[in-house]
Each structure stands twice: as C-alpha cells, then as structure tokens.
Amino acid sequence: PITVAYNHHFESTMLGTGARMRQVPWADLTPPQRQQMMAKGHCAHGDVAWIVEGGDNAVGMPGSQDFGGANGGEFRKSFHGYAPGFAQLIHSPAGLSVEPMQIDTFNRDKMNMSKSFF
C-alpha cells in the first residue's frame, strides 16, 4: 500500500535516434550540468549523474527531451497535462529513461517481519 512505499514523483528523459545516456562522476560535471541535476532533485557531491549525449540532427529539432515533475503518489488535485498549444518536440523518438523518486516509509524496527501483511 501507499503507506509503506510509494513513488513520490518521477522524472523522465526521452531519447531520439543517436542520443545516448552516459554515467558521469559528479566531480566531472560542468556547472550548468550540476545545476540541471540539482533542479531535477538528483545528485550530491560524491554521486554520479546520467547525462544525455548526441542526438543532433539535420532538421534542427531536439534530440532529447526532459519531462519533469511528474507526480506519483502525490496525485491529489494535481493537473496532468499541457497548456493549449504547448508541445515538447523530439526528432525520431527511440528510447525512454524513467527516474523514480521512491519513498520507503516501512518501519522495519517496529514491524514483525515474519507475520507482516506486507
């Protein structure tokens, strides 16, 4: 149940043909990349980050797109959609990376694990 563990929110990145994700140590990120990671709620010093590389195309459309702020268990009265006339374009979509922010509220010290319902 949602009272034990739940998906608080998630971010996702859609990759176009030619784009790929690469794992990079936090220390190797540029200041703009660090800012982007922190805005997504990811990373602290000593961690790693996944960045998108490539995806450039001849038609000038984005080769990847971030779809951020999607809520999971925090669904009460939340708007799920785009404003009229808004779109996030991507050239030749080829893959999707989902980054969940999972909350675990299960109190293992107080629960009887052998007779638990969960």
Foldseek 3Di string as FASTA:
>chain_A
DVLFKWFFFKKKKWAAPFKDKDKAQPVPDDVVVNVVQVVQVDDDHGHIDIDIDTQDDDVPAARMDMDGDGGIVPPPPDDDDDDPPDDRDHPHTDDMDMGTDMDGNHDPVPDDVVPDPD
